[in-house]
PDB file of N, CA and C in Angstrom:
ATOM      1  N   MET A   1       5.428   6.414   8.852  1.00  0.00           N
ATOM      2  CA  MET A   1       6.538   5.498   9.068  1.00  0.00           C
ATOM      3  C   MET A   1       7.849   6.210   8.753  1.00  0.00           C
ATOM      4  N   MET A   2       8.755   6.139   9.670  1.00  0.00           N
ATOM      5  CA  MET A   2      10.060   6.781   9.471  1.00  0.00           C
ATOM      6  C   MET A   2      11.045   5.774   8.890  1.00  0.00           C
ATOM      7  N   ILE A   3      11.755   6.224   7.885  1.00  0.00           N
ATOM      8  CA  ILE A   3      12.758   5.355   7.261  1.00  0.00           C
ATOM      9  C   ILE A   3      14.039   5.464   8.076  1.00  0.00           C
ATOM     10  N   GLY A   4      14.547   4.332   8.506  1.00  0.00           N
ATOM     11  CA  GLY A   4      15.731   4.316   9.337  1.00  0.00           C
ATOM     12  C   GLY A   4      17.006   4.114   8.535  1.00  0.00           C
ATOM     13  N   LEU A   5      18.105   4.157   9.237  1.00  0.00           N
ATOM     14  CA  LEU A   5      19.409   3.982   8.625  1.00  0.00           C
ATOM     15  C   LEU A   5      19.546   2.605   7.981  1.00  0.00           C
ATOM     16  N   THR A   6      18.928   1.608   8.597  1.00  0.00           N
ATOM     17  CA  THR A   6      19.019   0.244   8.078  1.00  0.00           C
ATOM     18  C   THR A   6      18.445   0.138   6.671  1.00  0.00           C
ATOM     19  N   HIS A   7      17.371   0.867   6.398  1.00  0.00           N
ATOM     20  CA  HIS A   7      16.767   0.827   5.067  1.00  0.00           C
ATOM     21  C   HIS A   7      17.732   1.384   4.016  1.00  0.00           C
ATOM     22  N   PHE A   8      18.373   2.496   4.343  1.00  0.00           N
ATOM     23  CA  PHE A   8      19.336   3.078   3.405  1.00  0.00           C
ATOM     24  C   PHE A   8      20.521   2.149   3.174  1.00  0.00           C
ATOM     25  N   LEU A   9      20.997   1.534   4.238  1.00  0.00           N
ATOM     26  CA  LEU A   9      22.126   0.617   4.102  1.00  0.00           C
ATOM     27  C   LEU A   9      21.747  -0.619   3.297  1.00  0.00           C
ATOM     28  N   LEU A  10      20.522  -1.081   3.450  1.00  0.00           N
ATOM     29  CA  LEU A  10      20.061  -2.231   2.673  1.00  0.00           C
ATOM     30  C   LEU A  10      19.972  -1.883   1.188  1.00  0.00           C
ATOM     31  N   ILE A  11      19.447  -0.722   0.863  1.00  0.00           N
ATOM     32  CA  ILE A  11      19.390  -0.284  -0.533  1.00  0.00           C
ATOM     33  C   ILE A  11      20.801  -0.114  -1.093  1.00  0.00           C
ATOM     34  N   GLY A  12      21.702   0.445  -0.288  1.00  0.00           N
ATOM     35  CA  GLY A  12      23.092   0.582  -0.721  1.00  0.00           C
ATOM     36  C   GLY A  12      23.751  -0.761  -0.974  1.00  0.00           C
ATOM     37  N   ALA A  13      23.458  -1.737  -0.133  1.00  0.00           N
ATOM     38  CA  ALA A  13      24.037  -3.068  -0.326  1.00  0.00           C
ATOM     39  C   ALA A  13      23.509  -3.724  -1.594  1.00  0.00           C
ATOM     40  N   VAL A  14      22.219  -3.553  -1.868  1.00  0.00           N
ATOM     41  CA  VAL A  14      21.636  -4.110  -3.095  1.00  0.00           C
ATOM     42  C   VAL A  14      22.256  -3.439  -4.323  1.00  0.00           C
ATOM     43  N   LEU A  15      22.401  -2.120  -4.285  1.00  0.00           N
ATOM     44  CA  LEU A  15      23.040  -1.402  -5.393  1.00  0.00           C
ATOM     45  C   LEU A  15      24.468  -1.871  -5.606  1.00  0.00           C
ATOM     46  N   PHE A  16      25.209  -2.015  -4.516  1.00  0.00           N
ATOM     47  CA  PHE A  16      26.607  -2.435  -4.627  1.00  0.00           C
ATOM     48  C   PHE A  16      26.711  -3.841  -5.194  1.00  0.00           C
ATOM     49  N   CYS A  17      25.877  -4.749  -4.711  1.00  0.00           N
ATOM     50  CA  CYS A  17      25.916  -6.129  -5.214  1.00  0.00           C
ATOM     51  C   CYS A  17      25.522  -6.199  -6.685  1.00  0.00           C
ATOM     52  N   THR A  18      24.543  -5.390  -7.088  1.00  0.00           N
ATOM     53  CA  THR A  18      24.156  -5.342  -8.498  1.00  0.00           C
ATOM     54  C   THR A  18      25.309  -4.840  -9.359  1.00  0.00           C
ATOM     55  N   GLY A  19      25.984  -3.783  -8.907  1.00  0.00           N
ATOM     56  CA  GLY A  19      27.134  -3.261  -9.639  1.00  0.00           C
ATOM     57  C   GLY A  19      28.270  -4.258  -9.709  1.00  0.00           C
ATOM     58  N   LEU A  20      28.532  -4.946  -8.611  1.00  0.00           N
ATOM     59  CA  LEU A  20      29.589  -5.956  -8.595  1.00  0.00           C
ATOM     60  C   LEU A  20      29.263  -7.102  -9.542  1.00  0.00           C
ATOM     61  N   PHE A  21      28.005  -7.519  -9.575  1.00  0.00           N
ATOM     62  CA  PHE A  21      27.581  -8.569 -10.501  1.00  0.00           C
ATOM     63  C   PHE A  21      27.794  -8.127 -11.951  1.00  0.00           C
ATOM     64  N   MET A  22      27.471  -6.879 -12.244  1.00  0.00           N
ATOM     65  CA  MET A  22      27.666  -6.375 -13.610  1.00  0.00           C
ATOM     66  C   MET A  22      29.140  -6.341 -13.992  1.00  0.00           C
ATOM     67  N   VAL A  23      29.981  -5.927 -13.076  1.00  0.00           N
ATOM     68  CA  VAL A  23      31.417  -5.858 -13.379  1.00  0.00           C
ATOM     69  C   VAL A  23      31.991  -7.250 -13.625  1.00  0.00           C
ATOM     70  N   VAL A  24      31.553  -8.220 -12.841  1.00  0.00           N
ATOM     71  CA  VAL A  24      32.110  -9.572 -12.945  1.00  0.00           C
ATOM     72  C   VAL A  24      31.590 -10.319 -14.172  1.00  0.00           C
ATOM     73  N   THR A  25      30.335 -10.107 -14.544  1.00  0.00           N
ATOM     74  CA  THR A  25      29.733 -10.947 -15.581  1.00  0.00           C
ATOM     75  C   THR A  25      29.671 -10.333 -16.970  1.00  0.00           C
ATOM     76  N   LYS A  26      29.743  -9.044 -17.119  1.00  0.00           N
ATOM     77  CA  LYS A  26      29.531  -8.421 -18.424  1.00  0.00           C
ATOM     78  C   LYS A  26      30.780  -8.483 -19.283  1.00  0.00           C
ATOM     79  N   LYS A  27      30.560  -8.522 -20.594  1.00  0.00           N
ATOM     80  CA  LYS A  27      31.648  -8.587 -21.569  1.00  0.00           C
ATOM     81  C   LYS A  27      31.788  -7.286 -22.359  1.00  0.00           C
ATOM     82  N   ASN A  28      31.074  -6.266 -21.972  1.00  0.00           N
ATOM     83  CA  ASN A  28      31.087  -5.002 -22.684  1.00  0.00           C
ATOM     84  C   ASN A  28      31.668  -3.928 -21.767  1.00  0.00           C
ATOM     85  N   ALA A  29      32.581  -3.122 -22.277  1.00  0.00           N
ATOM     86  CA  ALA A  29      33.250  -2.122 -21.440  1.00  0.00           C
ATOM     87  C   ALA A  29      32.273  -1.073 -20.914  1.00  0.00           C
ATOM     88  N   ILE A  30      31.267  -0.730 -21.693  1.00  0.00           N
ATOM     89  CA  ILE A  30      30.273   0.244 -21.246  1.00  0.00           C
ATOM     90  C   ILE A  30      29.466  -0.323 -20.079  1.00  0.00           C
ATOM     91  N   GLN A  31      29.076  -1.578 -20.162  1.00  0.00           N
ATOM     92  CA  GLN A  31      28.309  -2.201 -19.081  1.00  0.00           C
ATOM     93  C   GLN A  31      29.158  -2.356 -17.821  1.00  0.00           C
ATOM     94  N   ILE A  32      30.437  -2.611 -17.983  1.00  0.00           N
ATOM     95  CA  ILE A  32      31.335  -2.662 -16.825  1.00  0.00           C
ATOM     96  C   ILE A  32      31.425  -1.287 -16.171  1.00  0.00           C
ATOM     97  N   LEU A  33      31.498  -0.242 -16.985  1.00  0.00           N
ATOM     98  CA  LEU A  33      31.544   1.121 -16.463  1.00  0.00           C
ATOM     99  C   LEU A  33      30.256   1.452 -15.713  1.00  0.00           C
ATOM    100  N   ILE A  34      29.125   1.011 -16.219  1.00  0.00           N
ATOM    101  CA  ILE A  34      27.853   1.234 -15.530  1.00  0.00           C
ATOM    102  C   ILE A  34      27.837   0.503 -14.188  1.00  0.00           C
ATOM    103  N   GLY A  35      28.397  -0.712 -14.140  1.00  0.00           N
ATOM    104  CA  GLY A  35      28.483  -1.442 -12.876  1.00  0.00           C
ATOM    105  C   GLY A  35      29.346  -0.720 -11.856  1.00  0.00           C
ATOM    106  N   ILE A  36      30.454  -0.155 -12.316  1.00  0.00           N
ATOM    107  CA  ILE A  36      31.319   0.614 -11.410  1.00  0.00           C
ATOM    108  C   ILE A  36      30.584   1.844 -10.894  1.00  0.00           C
ATOM    109  N   GLU A  37      29.814   2.486 -11.762  1.00  0.00           N
ATOM    110  CA  GLU A  37      29.031   3.648 -11.327  1.00  0.00           C
ATOM    111  C   GLU A  37      27.972   3.249 -10.294  1.00  0.00           C
ATOM    112  N   LEU A  38      27.354   2.083 -10.460  1.00  0.00           N
ATOM    113  CA  LEU A  38      26.386   1.623  -9.455  1.00  0.00           C
ATOM    114  C   LEU A  38      27.053   1.405  -8.104  1.00  0.00           C
ATOM    115  N   MET A  39      28.247   0.822  -8.111  1.00  0.00           N
ATOM    116  CA  MET A  39      28.957   0.616  -6.843  1.00  0.00           C
ATOM    117  C   MET A  39      29.329   1.951  -6.212  1.00  0.00           C
ATOM    118  N   LEU A  40      29.733   2.916  -7.022  1.00  0.00           N
ATOM    119  CA  LEU A  40      30.068   4.242  -6.502  1.00  0.00           C
ATOM    120  C   LEU A  40      28.825   4.927  -5.941  1.00  0.00           C
ATOM    121  N   ASN A  41      27.701   4.782  -6.627  1.00  0.00           N
ATOM    122  CA  ASN A  41      26.456   5.371  -6.118  1.00  0.00           C
ATOM    123  C   ASN A  41      26.022   4.729  -4.806  1.00  0.00           C
ATOM    124  N   ALA A  42      26.285   3.452  -4.634  1.00  0.00           N
ATOM    125  CA  ALA A  42      25.977   2.799  -3.358  1.00  0.00           C
ATOM    126  C   ALA A  42      26.823   3.392  -2.238  1.00  0.00           C
ATOM    127  N   ALA A  43      28.094   3.636  -2.515  1.00  0.00           N
ATOM    128  CA  ALA A  43      28.962   4.247  -1.501  1.00  0.00           C
ATOM    129  C   ALA A  43      28.510   5.670  -1.175  1.00  0.00           C
ATOM    130  N   ILE A  44      28.101   6.423  -2.199  1.00  0.00           N
ATOM    131  CA  ILE A  44      27.613   7.787  -1.975  1.00  0.00           C
ATOM    132  C   ILE A  44      26.329   7.767  -1.157  1.00  0.00           C
ATOM    133  N   LEU A  45      25.432   6.821  -1.445  1.00  0.00           N
ATOM    134  CA  LEU A  45      24.197   6.694  -0.674  1.00  0.00           C
ATOM    135  C   LEU A  45      24.501   6.411   0.795  1.00  0.00           C
ATOM    136  N   ASN A  46      25.475   5.558   1.052  1.00  0.00           N
ATOM    137  CA  ASN A  46      25.851   5.271   2.434  1.00  0.00           C
ATOM    138  C   ASN A  46      26.428   6.499   3.124  1.00  0.00           C
ATOM    139  N   MET A  47      27.254   7.274   2.411  1.00  0.00           N
ATOM    140  CA  MET A  47      27.808   8.495   3.014  1.00  0.00           C
ATOM    141  C   MET A  47      26.701   9.480   3.367  1.00  0.00           C
ATOM    142  N   VAL A  48      25.746   9.669   2.469  1.00  0.00           N
ATOM    143  CA  VAL A  48      24.642  10.592   2.737  1.00  0.00           C
ATOM    144  C   VAL A  48      23.769  10.073   3.884  1.00  0.00           C
ATOM    145  N   ALA A  49      23.529   8.762   3.912  1.00  0.00           N
ATOM    146  CA  ALA A  49      22.704   8.194   4.982  1.00  0.00           C
ATOM    147  C   ALA A  49      23.382   8.371   6.342  1.00  0.00           C
ATOM    148  N   PHE A  50      24.675   8.079   6.412  1.00  0.00           N
ATOM    149  CA  PHE A  50      25.364   8.277   7.691  1.00  0.00           C
ATOM    150  C   PHE A  50      25.423   9.751   8.059  1.00  0.00           C
ATOM    151  N   GLY A  51      25.579  10.617   7.069  1.00  0.00           N
ATOM    152  CA  GLY A  51      25.563  12.054   7.343  1.00  0.00           C
ATOM    153  C   GLY A  51      24.207  12.538   7.804  1.00  0.00           C
ATOM    154  N   ARG A  52      23.150  11.948   7.285  1.00  0.00           N
ATOM    155  CA  ARG A  52      21.795  12.345   7.675  1.00  0.00           C
ATOM    156  C   ARG A  52      21.490  11.954   9.107  1.00  0.00           C
ATOM    157  N   PHE A  53      21.958  10.800   9.525  1.00  0.00           N
ATOM    158  CA  PHE A  53      21.656  10.331  10.867  1.00  0.00           C
ATOM    159  C   PHE A  53      22.702  10.738  11.891  1.00  0.00           C
ATOM    160  N   ASP A  54      23.772  11.396  11.456  1.00  0.00           N
ATOM    161  CA  ASP A  54      24.758  11.959  12.373  1.00  0.00           C
ATOM    162  C   ASP A  54      24.410  13.426  12.564  1.00  0.00           C
ATOM    163  N   LYS A  55      23.979  13.793  13.738  1.00  0.00           N
ATOM    164  CA  LYS A  55      23.498  15.154  13.987  1.00  0.00           C
ATOM    165  C   LYS A  55      24.623  16.173  14.183  1.00  0.00           C
ATOM    166  N   MET A  56      25.870  15.743  14.218  1.00  0.00           N
ATOM    167  CA  MET A  56      26.978  16.643  14.511  1.00  0.00           C
ATOM    168  C   MET A  56      27.323  17.575  13.347  1.00  0.00           C
ATOM    169  N   ASN A  57      27.446  17.022  12.136  1.00  0.00           N
ATOM    170  CA  ASN A  57      27.898  17.853  11.019  1.00  0.00           C
ATOM    171  C   ASN A  57      27.336  17.330   9.702  1.00  0.00           C
ATOM    172  N   ASN A  58      27.682  18.013   8.620  1.00  0.00           N
ATOM    173  CA  ASN A  58      27.234  17.624   7.286  1.00  0.00           C
ATOM    174  C   ASN A  58      28.374  17.018   6.476  1.00  0.00           C
ATOM    175  N   GLY A  59      29.251  16.307   7.125  1.00  0.00           N
ATOM    176  CA  GLY A  59      30.408  15.728   6.444  1.00  0.00           C
ATOM    177  C   GLY A  59      30.029  14.706   5.390  1.00  0.00           C
ATOM    178  N   GLY A  60      28.979  13.930   5.625  1.00  0.00           N
ATOM    179  CA  GLY A  60      28.546  12.926   4.658  1.00  0.00           C
ATOM    180  C   GLY A  60      28.060  13.557   3.369  1.00  0.00           C
ATOM    181  N   GLN A  61      27.289  14.636   3.481  1.00  0.00           N
ATOM    182  CA  GLN A  61      26.774  15.306   2.301  1.00  0.00           C
ATOM    183  C   GLN A  61      27.895  15.975   1.503  1.00  0.00           C
ATOM    184  N   LEU A  62      28.826  16.606   2.203  1.00  0.00           N
ATOM    185  CA  LEU A  62      29.944  17.260   1.517  1.00  0.00           C
ATOM    186  C   LEU A  62      30.833  16.238   0.821  1.00  0.00           C
ATOM    187  N   MET A  63      31.073  15.125   1.465  1.00  0.00           N
ATOM    188  CA  MET A  63      31.870  14.073   0.843  1.00  0.00           C
ATOM    189  C   MET A  63      31.143  13.474  -0.350  1.00  0.00           C
ATOM    190  N   ALA A  64      29.819  13.364  -0.265  1.00  0.00           N
ATOM    191  CA  ALA A  64      29.030  12.841  -1.380  1.00  0.00           C
ATOM    192  C   ALA A  64      29.101  13.768  -2.587  1.00  0.00           C
ATOM    193  N   ILE A  65      29.013  15.060  -2.370  1.00  0.00           N
ATOM    194  CA  ILE A  65      29.135  16.014  -3.488  1.00  0.00           C
ATOM    195  C   ILE A  65      30.512  15.914  -4.124  1.00  0.00           C
ATOM    196  N   PHE A  66      31.542  15.823  -3.317  1.00  0.00           N
ATOM    197  CA  PHE A  66      32.897  15.661  -3.849  1.00  0.00           C
ATOM    198  C   PHE A  66      33.011  14.365  -4.643  1.00  0.00           C
ATOM    199  N   SER A  67      32.421  13.298  -4.147  1.00  0.00           N
ATOM    200  CA  SER A  67      32.471  12.011  -4.838  1.00  0.00           C
ATOM    201  C   SER A  67      31.715  12.049  -6.166  1.00  0.00           C
ATOM    202  N   ILE A  68      30.597  12.740  -6.211  1.00  0.00           N
ATOM    203  CA  ILE A  68      29.830  12.850  -7.455  1.00  0.00           C
ATOM    204  C   ILE A  68      30.623  13.605  -8.506  1.00  0.00           C
ATOM    205  N   VAL A  69      31.272  14.685  -8.118  1.00  0.00           N
ATOM    206  CA  VAL A  69      32.107  15.443  -9.061  1.00  0.00           C
ATOM    207  C   VAL A  69      33.273  14.588  -9.546  1.00  0.00           C
ATOM    208  N   LEU A  70      33.904  13.878  -8.652  1.00  0.00           N
ATOM    209  CA  LEU A  70      35.013  12.997  -9.028  1.00  0.00           C
ATOM    210  C   LEU A  70      34.537  11.873  -9.940  1.00  0.00           C
ATOM    211  N   ALA A  71      33.370  11.319  -9.684  1.00  0.00           N
ATOM    212  CA  ALA A  71      32.827  10.249 -10.526  1.00  0.00           C
ATOM    213  C   ALA A  71      32.509  10.755 -11.925  1.00  0.00           C
ATOM    214  N   ALA A  72      32.008  11.968 -12.033  1.00  0.00           N
ATOM    215  CA  ALA A  72      31.706  12.533 -13.350  1.00  0.00           C
ATOM    216  C   ALA A  72      32.985  12.717 -14.166  1.00  0.00           C
ATOM    217  N   ALA A  73      34.024  13.207 -13.523  1.00  0.00           N
ATOM    218  CA  ALA A  73      35.298  13.383 -14.233  1.00  0.00           C
ATOM    219  C   ALA A  73      35.895  12.035 -14.638  1.00  0.00           C
ATOM    220  N   THR A  74      35.821  11.066 -13.760  1.00  0.00           N
ATOM    221  CA  THR A  74      36.350   9.737 -14.058  1.00  0.00           C
ATOM    222  C   THR A  74      35.574   9.079 -15.194  1.00  0.00           C
ATOM    223  N   THR A  75      34.267   9.243 -15.203  1.00  0.00           N
ATOM    224  CA  THR A  75      33.444   8.669 -16.266  1.00  0.00           C
ATOM    225  C   THR A  75      33.771   9.300 -17.610  1.00  0.00           C
ATOM    226  N   ALA A  76      33.995  10.597 -17.633  1.00  0.00           N
ATOM    227  CA  ALA A  76      34.354  11.262 -18.890  1.00  0.00           C
ATOM    228  C   ALA A  76      35.672  10.719 -19.440  1.00  0.00           C
ATOM    229  N   VAL A  77      36.650  10.525 -18.574  1.00  0.00           N
ATOM    230  CA  VAL A  77      37.939   9.976 -19.014  1.00  0.00           C
ATOM    231  C   VAL A  77      37.773   8.532 -19.478  1.00  0.00           C
ATOM    232  N   ALA A  78      36.998   7.729 -18.757  1.00  0.00           N
ATOM    233  CA  ALA A  78      36.797   6.332 -19.138  1.00  0.00           C
ATOM    234  C   ALA A  78      36.081   6.224 -20.480  1.00  0.00           C
ATOM    235  N   LEU A  79      35.085   7.059 -20.711  1.00  0.00           N
ATOM    236  CA  LEU A  79      34.391   7.027 -22.000  1.00  0.00           C
ATOM    237  C   LEU A  79      35.307   7.451 -23.137  1.00  0.00           C
ATOM    238  N   ALA A  80      36.178   8.418 -22.890  1.00  0.00           N
ATOM    239  CA  ALA A  80      37.140   8.819 -23.921  1.00  0.00           C
ATOM    240  C   ALA A  80      38.092   7.673 -24.252  1.00  0.00           C
ATOM    241  N   ILE A  81      38.535   6.965 -23.248  1.00  0.00           N
ATOM    242  CA  ILE A  81      39.415   5.810 -23.476  1.00  0.00           C
ATOM    243  C   ILE A  81      38.676   4.724 -24.254  1.00  0.00           C
ATOM    244  N   ILE A  82      37.440   4.450 -23.865  1.00  0.00           N
ATOM    245  CA  ILE A  82      36.656   3.420 -24.561  1.00  0.00           C
ATOM    246  C   ILE A  82      36.439   3.803 -26.024  1.00  0.00           C
ATOM    247  N   LEU A  83      36.142   5.071 -26.292  1.00  0.00           N
ATOM    248  CA  LEU A  83      35.957   5.508 -27.676  1.00  0.00           C
ATOM    249  C   LEU A  83      37.242   5.372 -28.490  1.00  0.00           C
ATOM    250  N   ASN A  84      38.375   5.698 -27.905  1.00  0.00           N
ATOM    251  CA  ASN A  84      39.644   5.541 -28.617  1.00  0.00           C
ATOM    252  C   ASN A  84      39.978   4.073 -28.868  1.00  0.00           C
ATOM    253  N   VAL A  85      39.699   3.214 -27.925  1.00  0.00           N
ATOM    254  CA  VAL A  85      39.924   1.780 -28.116  1.00  0.00           C
ATOM    255  C   VAL A  85      39.012   1.253 -29.214  1.00  0.00           C
ATOM    256  N   TYR A  86      37.763   1.706 -29.239  1.00  0.00           N
ATOM    257  CA  TYR A  86      36.848   1.247 -30.279  1.00  0.00           C
ATOM    258  C   TYR A  86      37.302   1.714 -31.664  1.00  0.00           C
ATOM    259  N   ARG A  87      37.762   2.961 -31.735  1.00  0.00           N
ATOM    260  CA  ARG A  87      38.250   3.474 -33.018  1.00  0.00           C
ATOM    261  C   ARG A  87      39.413   2.652 -33.558  1.00  0.00           C
ATOM    262  N   ARG A  88      40.271   2.216 -32.671  1.00  0.00           N
ATOM    263  CA  ARG A  88      41.468   1.501 -33.104  1.00  0.00           C
ATOM    264  C   ARG A  88      41.220   0.016 -33.349  1.00  0.00           C
ATOM    265  N   TYR A  89      40.473  -0.636 -32.465  1.00  0.00           N
ATOM    266  CA  TYR A  89      40.317  -2.091 -32.526  1.00  0.00           C
ATOM    267  C   TYR A  89      38.925  -2.546 -32.974  1.00  0.00           C
ATOM    268  N   LYS A  90      37.969  -1.627 -33.145  1.00  0.00           N
ATOM    269  CA  LYS A  90      36.605  -1.929 -33.597  1.00  0.00           C
ATOM    270  C   LYS A  90      35.852  -2.877 -32.667  1.00  0.00           C
ATOM    271  N   THR A  91      36.194  -2.899 -31.401  1.00  0.00           N
ATOM    272  CA  THR A  91      35.472  -3.674 -30.399  1.00  0.00           C
ATOM    273  C   THR A  91      35.675  -3.037 -29.027  1.00  0.00           C
ATOM    274  N   ILE A  92      34.702  -3.278 -28.141  1.00  0.00           N
ATOM    275  CA  ILE A  92      34.858  -2.828 -26.756  1.00  0.00           C
ATOM    276  C   ILE A  92      34.756  -4.011 -25.801  1.00  0.00           C
ATOM    277  N   ASP A  93      34.921  -5.204 -26.325  1.00  0.00           N
ATOM    278  CA  ASP A  93      34.928  -6.407 -25.512  1.00  0.00           C
ATOM    279  C   ASP A  93      36.299  -6.538 -24.848  1.00  0.00           C
ATOM    280  N   PRO A  94      36.382  -6.475 -23.519  1.00  0.00           N
ATOM    281  CA  PRO A  94      37.672  -6.531 -22.846  1.00  0.00           C
ATOM    282  C   PRO A  94      38.434  -7.848 -23.091  1.00  0.00           C
ATOM    283  N   ASP A  95      37.721  -8.941 -23.329  1.00  0.00           N
ATOM    284  CA  ASP A  95      38.386 -10.216 -23.573  1.00  0.00           C
ATOM    285  C   ASP A  95      39.102 -10.249 -24.917  1.00  0.00           C
ATOM    286  N   LYS A  96      38.623  -9.497 -25.887  1.00  0.00           N
ATOM    287  CA  LYS A  96      39.254  -9.460 -27.203  1.00  0.00           C
ATOM    288  C   LYS A  96      40.413  -8.489 -27.276  1.00  0.00           C
ATOM    289  N   LEU A  97      40.586  -7.682 -26.251  1.00  0.00           N
ATOM    290  CA  LEU A  97      41.663  -6.692 -26.226  1.00  0.00           C
ATOM    291  C   LEU A  97      42.804  -7.212 -25.353  1.00  0.00           C
ATOM    292  N   ASN A  98      43.359  -8.345 -25.722  1.00  0.00           N
ATOM    293  CA  ASN A  98      44.381  -8.946 -24.877  1.00  0.00           C
ATOM    294  C   ASN A  98      45.768  -8.344 -25.108  1.00  0.00           C
ATOM    295  N   GLN A  99      45.957  -7.638 -26.203  1.00  0.00           N
ATOM    296  CA  GLN A  99      47.254  -7.003 -26.466  1.00  0.00           C
ATOM    297  C   GLN A  99      46.984  -5.597 -26.991  1.00  0.00           C
ATOM    298  N   LEU A 100      47.327  -4.599 -26.219  1.00  0.00           N
ATOM    299  CA  LEU A 100      47.015  -3.218 -26.572  1.00  0.00           C
ATOM    300  C   LEU A 100      48.171  -2.490 -27.235  1.00  0.00           C
ATOM    301  N   LYS A 101      49.292  -3.148 -27.456  1.00  0.00           N
ATOM    302  CA  LYS A 101      50.393  -2.462 -28.140  1.00  0.00           C
ATOM    303  C   LYS A 101      50.556  -3.022 -29.548  1.00  0.00           C
ATOM    304  N   ASP A 102      51.205  -2.260 -30.387  1.00  0.00           N
ATOM    305  CA  ASP A 102      51.386  -2.671 -31.804  1.00  0.00           C
ATOM    306  C   ASP A 102      52.320  -3.823 -31.955  1.00  0.00           C
TER     307      ASP A 102
END
């Protein structure tokens, strides 16, 4: 059985919806970051799937590699920000951080 483009797009849609649900419902900054990463991985999966089924070039794969590198850098910066916020306010609940200035 050959896996078609529709299967990849369906998996990407499920990943994206799961990530969106996590971002909307979670009260923890780390869990929100994980939801954003799931949505980004869904977009990367779609780029690779379209690149796989497009016989002209490898643009989808190259864009996916660039996106993975960019996501890793963004995650490192976000975790550093979360750690600094926790050090200062002793919480990572976004609802409790309503005023970030002194």
